[in-house]
N, C-alpha and C. Protein backbone atom coordinates (compact mmCIF):
# COMPACT_ATOMS: atom_id res chain seq x y z
N MET A 1 23.27 6.13 19.43
CA MET A 1 22.84 7.10 17.25
C MET A 1 21.34 6.08 18.20
N ILE A 2 19.94 7.42 18.10
CA ILE A 2 18.26 6.30 18.26
C ILE A 2 18.31 6.26 16.82
N LEU A 3 18.09 5.16 17.61
CA LEU A 3 16.65 4.60 16.25
C LEU A 3 14.99 4.34 15.74
N GLU A 4 14.44 4.64 15.08
CA GLU A 4 12.68 4.91 15.70
C GLU A 4 12.38 4.18 14.49
N ILE A 5 11.53 3.87 14.82
CA ILE A 5 10.96 1.99 13.95
C ILE A 5 9.68 2.33 14.60
N ARG A 6 9.03 2.38 12.53
CA ARG A 6 6.62 3.35 12.92
C ARG A 6 6.44 2.27 12.66
N THR A 7 5.17 1.35 12.72
CA THR A 7 4.77 0.07 11.97
C THR A 7 3.28 0.92 11.40
N TYR A 8 2.64 0.78 9.97
CA TYR A 8 1.52 1.91 10.41
C TYR A 8 0.94 0.27 9.78
N ARG A 9 -0.67 0.38 10.04
CA ARG A 9 -1.81 -0.43 9.20
C ARG A 9 -2.49 0.80 8.65
N LEU A 10 -2.68 0.34 7.43
CA LEU A 10 -2.88 1.24 6.66
C LEU A 10 -4.33 0.95 6.45
N LYS A 11 -5.60 1.97 6.09
CA LYS A 11 -7.16 1.24 5.96
C LYS A 11 -6.56 0.88 4.91
N PRO A 12 -8.12 -0.53 3.99
CA PRO A 12 -8.31 -0.65 2.71
C PRO A 12 -7.72 0.03 1.84
N GLY A 13 -6.85 -0.50 0.94
CA GLY A 13 -6.86 0.24 -0.61
C GLY A 13 -6.08 1.61 -0.81
N THR A 14 -4.85 2.06 0.75
CA THR A 14 -4.52 3.18 1.07
C THR A 14 -2.89 2.71 0.82
N ARG A 15 -2.47 1.76 0.74
CA ARG A 15 -1.60 1.52 0.40
C ARG A 15 0.04 2.99 -0.28
N GLU A 16 -0.21 2.17 -1.58
CA GLU A 16 0.10 2.91 -2.56
C GLU A 16 0.39 4.40 -2.83
N ASP A 17 -1.39 5.13 -2.33
CA ASP A 17 -1.11 5.97 -2.53
C ASP A 17 -0.09 7.26 -0.69
N PHE A 18 -0.08 6.12 0.33
CA PHE A 18 0.33 6.71 1.26
C PHE A 18 1.71 6.84 1.00
N VAL A 19 2.44 5.52 0.35
CA VAL A 19 3.64 5.53 -0.27
C VAL A 19 4.22 6.04 -0.88
N ARG A 20 3.49 6.62 -1.94
CA ARG A 20 3.88 7.45 -2.73
C ARG A 20 3.50 8.90 -1.75
N ILE A 21 2.52 9.22 -0.62
CA ILE A 21 2.43 10.92 -0.81
C ILE A 21 3.97 10.95 0.45
N MET A 22 4.15 9.63 1.27
CA MET A 22 5.20 10.13 2.22
C MET A 22 6.38 10.57 1.53
N ALA A 23 6.76 9.28 0.18
CA ALA A 23 8.28 9.61 -0.23
C ALA A 23 8.26 11.00 -1.14
N GLU A 24 6.87 11.74 -1.82
CA GLU A 24 7.05 12.46 -2.39
C GLU A 24 7.16 13.89 -1.60
N ARG A 25 5.87 13.93 -0.81
CA ARG A 25 5.51 15.17 0.10
C ARG A 25 6.32 15.52 1.26
N ALA A 26 6.30 14.09 2.43
CA ALA A 26 6.70 13.96 4.33
C ALA A 26 8.42 14.54 4.10
N LEU A 27 8.90 12.98 3.56
CA LEU A 27 10.03 12.97 2.96
C LEU A 27 11.34 14.30 3.06
N PRO A 28 10.62 14.87 2.38
CA PRO A 28 11.42 16.39 1.31
C PRO A 28 11.41 17.11 3.28
N MET A 29 10.25 16.99 3.17
CA MET A 29 9.71 17.42 4.16
C MET A 29 10.60 17.89 5.76
N LEU A 30 10.68 16.24 5.97
CA LEU A 30 11.06 15.58 7.53
C LEU A 30 12.68 16.00 7.01
N ALA A 31 13.80 15.63 5.30
CA ALA A 31 14.47 16.38 5.46
C ALA A 31 14.92 17.47 6.40
N GLU A 32 14.09 18.82 5.28
CA GLU A 32 14.62 20.92 5.45
C GLU A 32 14.16 20.57 7.61
N TYR A 33 13.88 19.45 7.65
CA TYR A 33 13.57 19.72 9.97
C TYR A 33 14.73 19.34 10.61
N GLY A 34 15.63 18.24 9.76
CA GLY A 34 16.39 17.77 9.75
C GLY A 34 16.00 16.66 10.17
N ILE A 35 15.91 16.33 9.78
CA ILE A 35 15.13 14.57 10.60
C ILE A 35 15.63 13.62 10.12
N ASP A 36 16.01 13.03 10.06
CA ASP A 36 17.03 12.42 9.15
C ASP A 36 16.72 11.03 8.54
N VAL A 37 15.76 10.53 7.66
CA VAL A 37 15.60 9.26 7.29
C VAL A 37 15.65 8.21 6.96
N VAL A 38 15.93 7.22 7.69
CA VAL A 38 16.85 5.65 7.13
C VAL A 38 16.65 4.52 6.18
N ASP A 39 14.70 4.82 6.01
CA ASP A 39 14.45 4.23 5.56
C ASP A 39 12.81 4.12 5.47
N HIS A 40 12.08 3.94 4.58
CA HIS A 40 10.55 3.72 4.61
C HIS A 40 9.88 2.97 3.28
N GLY A 41 8.93 2.54 3.13
CA GLY A 41 8.49 1.81 2.00
C GLY A 41 7.05 0.61 2.68
N PRO A 42 6.61 0.53 1.37
CA PRO A 42 5.59 -0.81 2.32
C PRO A 42 6.17 -1.88 3.17
N SER A 43 5.63 -2.51 3.46
CA SER A 43 5.48 -4.20 4.13
C SER A 43 5.77 -5.17 3.34
N LEU A 44 7.35 -6.06 3.30
CA LEU A 44 6.06 -6.92 2.77
C LEU A 44 5.91 -7.81 2.90
N PHE A 45 5.08 -8.42 3.87
CA PHE A 45 4.26 -9.23 4.49
C PHE A 45 2.81 -8.13 5.01
N ASP A 46 1.40 -8.65 5.11
CA ASP A 46 0.62 -8.05 5.30
C ASP A 46 -0.11 -8.68 6.82
N GLU A 47 0.09 -8.01 7.85
CA GLU A 47 0.42 -9.15 8.98
C GLU A 47 -1.32 -8.75 9.57
N ASP A 48 -2.26 -10.11 9.10
CA ASP A 48 -3.64 -11.02 9.43
C ASP A 48 -4.51 -9.81 8.15
N GLY A 49 -3.66 -9.61 7.01
CA GLY A 49 -3.94 -9.97 6.02
C GLY A 49 -4.37 -7.35 5.67
N ALA A 50 -3.77 -6.74 6.41
CA ALA A 50 -3.76 -5.81 6.75
C ALA A 50 -3.58 -5.17 6.22
N GLU A 51 -3.00 -3.67 5.00
CA GLU A 51 -2.22 -3.22 4.11
C GLU A 51 -2.03 -2.87 5.05
N GLU A 52 0.05 -3.35 5.14
CA GLU A 52 0.95 -2.43 6.43
C GLU A 52 2.29 -1.70 5.84
N ALA A 53 2.86 -0.15 6.14
CA ALA A 53 3.46 -0.15 5.59
C ALA A 53 4.65 0.56 6.73
N TYR A 54 5.54 1.21 6.93
CA TYR A 54 6.59 1.78 8.14
C TYR A 54 7.41 2.59 6.95
N LEU A 55 8.70 3.42 8.55
CA LEU A 55 9.27 4.12 8.60
C LEU A 55 10.67 4.56 9.36
N MET A 56 11.69 4.69 9.31
CA MET A 56 13.03 4.70 10.26
C MET A 56 13.01 5.33 10.81
N ARG A 57 13.65 6.37 11.22
CA ARG A 57 13.94 7.36 11.78
C ARG A 57 15.36 7.38 12.46
N ALA A 58 16.62 7.78 12.39
CA ALA A 58 17.52 7.90 13.48
C ALA A 58 17.93 9.19 13.89
N PHE A 59 18.09 9.49 14.91
CA PHE A 59 18.28 10.77 15.49
C PHE A 59 19.70 11.33 16.85
N ALA A 60 20.69 12.16 17.20
CA ALA A 60 21.31 11.75 18.09
C ALA A 60 21.29 11.23 19.03
N SER A 61 20.40 11.70 19.96
CA SER A 61 19.71 11.60 21.03
C SER A 61 18.28 11.52 21.54
N LEU A 62 17.91 10.86 22.55
CA LEU A 62 16.60 11.82 22.77
C LEU A 62 16.06 11.90 22.35
N ALA A 63 16.50 13.49 24.05
CA ALA A 63 16.76 14.20 23.46
C ALA A 63 15.98 15.46 22.16
N GLU A 64 17.14 15.19 21.37
CA GLU A 64 17.00 15.83 19.80
C GLU A 64 15.76 14.87 19.33
N ARG A 65 15.84 13.81 19.40
CA ARG A 65 13.87 13.09 18.37
C ARG A 65 13.26 14.64 19.10
N ASP A 66 12.80 14.08 20.63
CA ASP A 66 12.00 15.02 20.61
C ASP A 66 11.63 16.39 20.46
N ARG A 67 13.04 17.18 20.17
CA ARG A 67 13.50 18.53 19.19
C ARG A 67 12.63 18.14 18.18
N LEU A 68 12.70 17.69 17.57
CA LEU A 68 12.51 17.34 15.84
C LEU A 68 11.57 17.13 16.21
N GLU A 69 10.96 16.17 16.47
CA GLU A 69 9.40 15.90 16.07
C GLU A 69 8.52 16.92 16.40
N ASP A 70 9.32 18.00 17.63
CA ASP A 70 7.83 18.52 17.96
C ASP A 70 7.94 20.54 17.43
N ALA A 71 8.99 20.35 16.36
CA ALA A 71 9.26 21.23 15.38
C ALA A 71 8.58 20.93 14.11
N PHE A 72 8.89 19.34 13.82
CA PHE A 72 8.15 19.08 12.61
C PHE A 72 6.49 19.13 12.87
N TYR A 73 6.53 18.93 13.97
CA TYR A 73 4.62 18.13 13.76
C TYR A 73 3.67 19.34 14.54
N SER A 74 4.45 20.74 14.39
CA SER A 74 3.87 21.70 15.07
C SER A 74 4.05 22.56 13.89
N SER A 75 4.35 22.01 12.58
CA SER A 75 4.70 23.58 11.65
C SER A 75 3.35 23.67 10.66
N ARG A 76 3.78 25.03 9.93
CA ARG A 76 3.23 24.73 9.39
C ARG A 76 2.94 24.29 8.14
N GLU A 77 3.83 23.99 8.21
CA GLU A 77 3.77 23.03 5.98
C GLU A 77 3.86 21.98 6.02
N TRP A 78 3.48 21.29 7.87
CA TRP A 78 3.23 19.54 7.95
C TRP A 78 1.64 19.61 8.22
N ARG A 79 1.23 20.65 9.32
CA ARG A 79 -0.27 20.64 9.15
C ARG A 79 -1.19 21.77 7.83
N GLU A 80 -0.75 22.08 6.95
CA GLU A 80 -1.43 22.51 5.93
C GLU A 80 -1.07 22.13 4.40
N GLY A 81 0.28 20.65 4.96
CA GLY A 81 0.91 20.47 4.07
C GLY A 81 -0.27 18.55 3.61
N PRO A 82 0.29 18.39 3.58
CA PRO A 82 0.80 16.69 3.72
C PRO A 82 -0.32 15.80 4.62
N ARG A 83 0.04 16.31 6.41
CA ARG A 83 -0.83 15.33 6.90
C ARG A 83 -1.98 15.58 6.97
N GLU A 84 -2.95 15.78 6.45
CA GLU A 84 -4.41 14.97 6.40
C GLU A 84 -4.69 14.22 5.30
N GLU A 85 -3.23 14.34 3.92
CA GLU A 85 -3.14 12.91 2.90
C GLU A 85 -3.12 11.23 3.91
N ILE A 86 -1.37 11.95 4.62
CA ILE A 86 -1.39 10.88 5.18
C ILE A 86 -2.26 10.52 6.34
N VAL A 87 -2.63 11.29 6.87
CA VAL A 87 -3.02 10.56 8.44
C VAL A 87 -4.53 10.13 8.23
N SER A 88 -5.02 10.63 7.33
CA SER A 88 -6.25 10.39 6.80
C SER A 88 -6.53 8.31 6.22
N ARG A 89 -5.32 7.61 5.31
CA ARG A 89 -5.40 6.60 5.42
C ARG A 89 -4.22 6.16 6.48
N ILE A 90 -4.36 6.92 7.65
CA ILE A 90 -3.57 5.19 8.43
C ILE A 90 -5.49 4.86 9.51
N ASP A 91 -4.69 3.63 10.09
CA ASP A 91 -5.86 2.44 10.54
C ASP A 91 -5.46 2.72 12.26
N SER A 92 -4.44 2.58 12.42
CA SER A 92 -3.08 2.72 13.73
C SER A 92 -1.82 2.25 13.34
N TYR A 93 -1.26 3.29 14.06
CA TYR A 93 0.34 3.19 14.16
C TYR A 93 0.85 2.62 15.23
N HIS A 94 2.14 1.98 14.94
CA HIS A 94 3.25 1.48 16.81
C HIS A 94 5.01 2.47 16.54
N THR A 95 5.33 3.02 16.99
CA THR A 95 6.49 2.95 17.38
C THR A 95 7.68 2.45 18.14
N ILE A 96 8.13 2.38 18.49
CA ILE A 96 9.37 1.65 18.94
C ILE A 96 10.94 2.55 18.81
N VAL A 97 11.49 2.54 19.75
CA VAL A 97 12.82 3.55 20.21
C VAL A 97 13.60 3.21 20.55
N ILE A 98 15.00 2.29 20.29
CA ILE A 98 15.92 1.60 21.11
C ILE A 98 16.99 2.62 20.56
N GLU A 99 18.29 1.92 21.86
CA GLU A 99 19.69 2.39 21.11
C GLU A 99 20.23 1.24 20.29
N THR A 100 21.15 1.94 18.86
CA THR A 100 22.19 1.15 17.97
C THR A 100 23.22 0.86 17.94
N PRO A 101 24.06 0.86 17.63
CA PRO A 101 25.05 1.22 16.71
C PRO A 101 24.85 1.78 15.41
N ASN A 102 26.47 2.94 15.39
CA ASN A 102 25.87 3.88 14.42
C ASN A 102 26.76 2.92 12.33
N ALA A 103 26.92 1.95 13.28
CA ALA A 103 26.61 0.46 11.93
C ALA A 103 25.87 0.18 12.05
N ALA A 104 25.16 -0.02 12.52
CA ALA A 104 23.75 -1.06 12.68
C ALA A 104 22.43 -0.13 11.95
N VAL A 105 22.82 1.34 11.98
CA VAL A 105 21.80 2.57 11.63
C VAL A 105 22.18 2.44 9.36
N ALA A 106 23.65 1.75 9.78
CA ALA A 106 24.50 2.37 8.80
C ALA A 106 23.69 1.45 7.31
N ALA A 107 23.65 0.33 8.34
CA ALA A 107 23.49 -0.87 7.44
C ALA A 107 22.04 -0.93 7.09
N LEU A 108 20.96 -0.23 8.20
CA LEU A 108 20.17 -0.73 6.81
C LEU A 108 19.05 0.61 6.41
N ARG A 109 20.28 1.26 6.12
CA ARG A 109 19.79 3.11 5.24
C ARG A 109 19.67 2.09 3.82
N ARG A 110 18.38 2.53 3.12
CA ARG A 110 18.22 2.68 1.56
C ARG A 110 18.73 4.24 1.31
N ASP A 111 19.72 3.73 -0.11
CA ASP A 111 19.99 4.50 -0.40
C ASP A 111 18.67 5.58 -1.52
N GLY A 112 18.41 7.46 -0.86
CA GLY A 112 16.93 7.50 -1.73
C GLY A 112 15.94 7.43 -0.70
N ALA A 113 15.79 7.20 0.39
CA ALA A 113 15.75 7.27 1.87
C ALA A 113 14.65 8.72 2.30
């Protein structure tokens, strides 16, 4: 299993809206495109005082990750939907991708993610 962990450094004062929009609008769209969201939400710690959030997604392989993300990010629903509301609140982001056992992903999974 492939686990992608994305952290977002957000513009000041935008975290609450970012997390809400992600949960209400982006996550249902990710699910429609077959992207498995393991967990998401606000960081419990803000490095250097910056507001931060995270998103964890699981994929069967790197090839599947590429295929599903390409389909999602190039979709009209994303580009004309919540994209601007989300992207406008991000100062920067960082992504790591690791291989991990299915049991590790299951242990990280939060109900309702």
